[in-house]
Protein backbone atom coordinates (compact mmCIF):
# COMPACT_ATOMS: atom_id res chain seq x y z
CA MET A 1 -13.94 13.83 13.86
CA THR A 2 -11.64 15.48 11.34
CA GLU A 3 -9.87 13.76 8.49
CA PRO A 4 -6.17 13.11 9.05
CA ALA A 5 -3.99 15.53 7.10
CA CYS A 6 -1.61 12.69 6.21
CA GLN A 7 -2.72 9.20 5.32
CA TYR A 8 -0.46 6.31 4.37
CA VAL A 9 -1.11 2.82 3.08
CA VAL A 10 1.60 0.20 3.53
CA ILE A 11 1.49 -3.24 1.93
CA ASN A 12 3.32 -5.76 4.09
CA TYR A 13 4.47 -9.35 3.79
CA ASN A 14 6.90 -10.72 6.36
CA ALA A 15 8.69 -7.41 6.88
CA GLY A 16 8.21 -7.24 10.63
CA HIS A 17 11.84 -6.36 11.22
CA LEU A 18 11.39 -3.21 9.10
CA LEU A 19 7.70 -2.43 9.55
CA ARG A 20 7.72 -0.73 12.94
CA ALA A 21 10.57 1.64 12.02
CA ALA A 22 8.85 2.50 8.74
CA VAL A 23 5.53 3.30 10.42
CA GLU A 24 7.20 5.34 13.17
CA SER A 25 9.05 7.30 10.49
CA MET A 26 5.76 8.10 8.72
CA VAL A 27 4.27 9.42 11.95
CA VAL A 28 7.31 11.65 12.58
CA ASP A 29 7.24 12.96 8.99
CA ALA A 30 3.52 13.68 9.22
CA ALA A 31 4.04 15.68 12.40
CA ALA A 32 6.80 17.71 10.76
CA ALA A 33 4.68 18.37 7.67
CA ASN A 34 1.70 19.52 9.72
CA ASP A 35 3.28 22.20 11.91
CA ALA A 36 0.79 24.79 10.70
CA THR A 37 -2.26 22.58 11.20
CA PRO A 38 -1.47 19.73 13.59
CA SER A 39 -3.37 16.56 12.84
CA GLU A 40 -2.86 12.95 13.73
CA PRO A 41 -1.79 10.81 10.75
CA LEU A 42 -3.48 7.61 9.74
CA VAL A 43 -1.35 4.63 8.72
CA ILE A 44 -3.18 1.65 7.23
CA VAL A 45 -1.11 -1.51 7.02
CA VAL A 46 -2.44 -4.14 4.64
CA ASP A 47 -0.92 -7.43 5.72
CA ASN A 48 -0.66 -10.21 3.13
CA ALA A 49 -0.94 -13.13 5.57
CA SER A 50 2.52 -12.65 7.03
CA THR A 51 3.89 -15.55 9.02
CA ASP A 52 6.54 -13.57 10.91
CA GLY A 53 4.18 -11.77 13.30
CA SER A 54 4.50 -8.45 11.48
CA PRO A 55 1.11 -7.09 12.60
CA ASP A 56 1.99 -7.71 16.24
CA ALA A 57 5.01 -5.42 15.89
CA ILE A 58 2.81 -2.38 15.25
CA ARG A 59 -0.58 -3.03 16.87
CA ASP A 60 0.34 -0.89 19.89
CA LEU A 61 1.19 2.17 17.80
CA PRO A 62 -1.41 4.93 17.84
CA HIS A 63 -3.07 5.91 14.57
CA VAL A 64 -2.33 2.56 12.91
CA ARG A 65 -4.93 0.22 11.47
CA VAL A 66 -4.02 -3.27 10.39
CA ILE A 67 -6.21 -5.01 7.83
C-alpha cells in the first residue's frame, strides 16, 4: 500500500452542515494536485464529541477516517 500524496487533518465540533462540503472539496483539490501521480487522498476528521451528528455526514465518503 502506498502513502497518500495528500493528507488532511480536520478538527470538527458541531460543524456537520459544513463538514461534508469541506471534505469533498479536499478530495477534489487533491485529485487536481496529483495529475502527474494519481493517488487517493486521506482525510482524517478528529471529532470533538459533536452532538449534531457530524461524523454521520461523512462516514460514507471514501478515504475518510473519523476518530
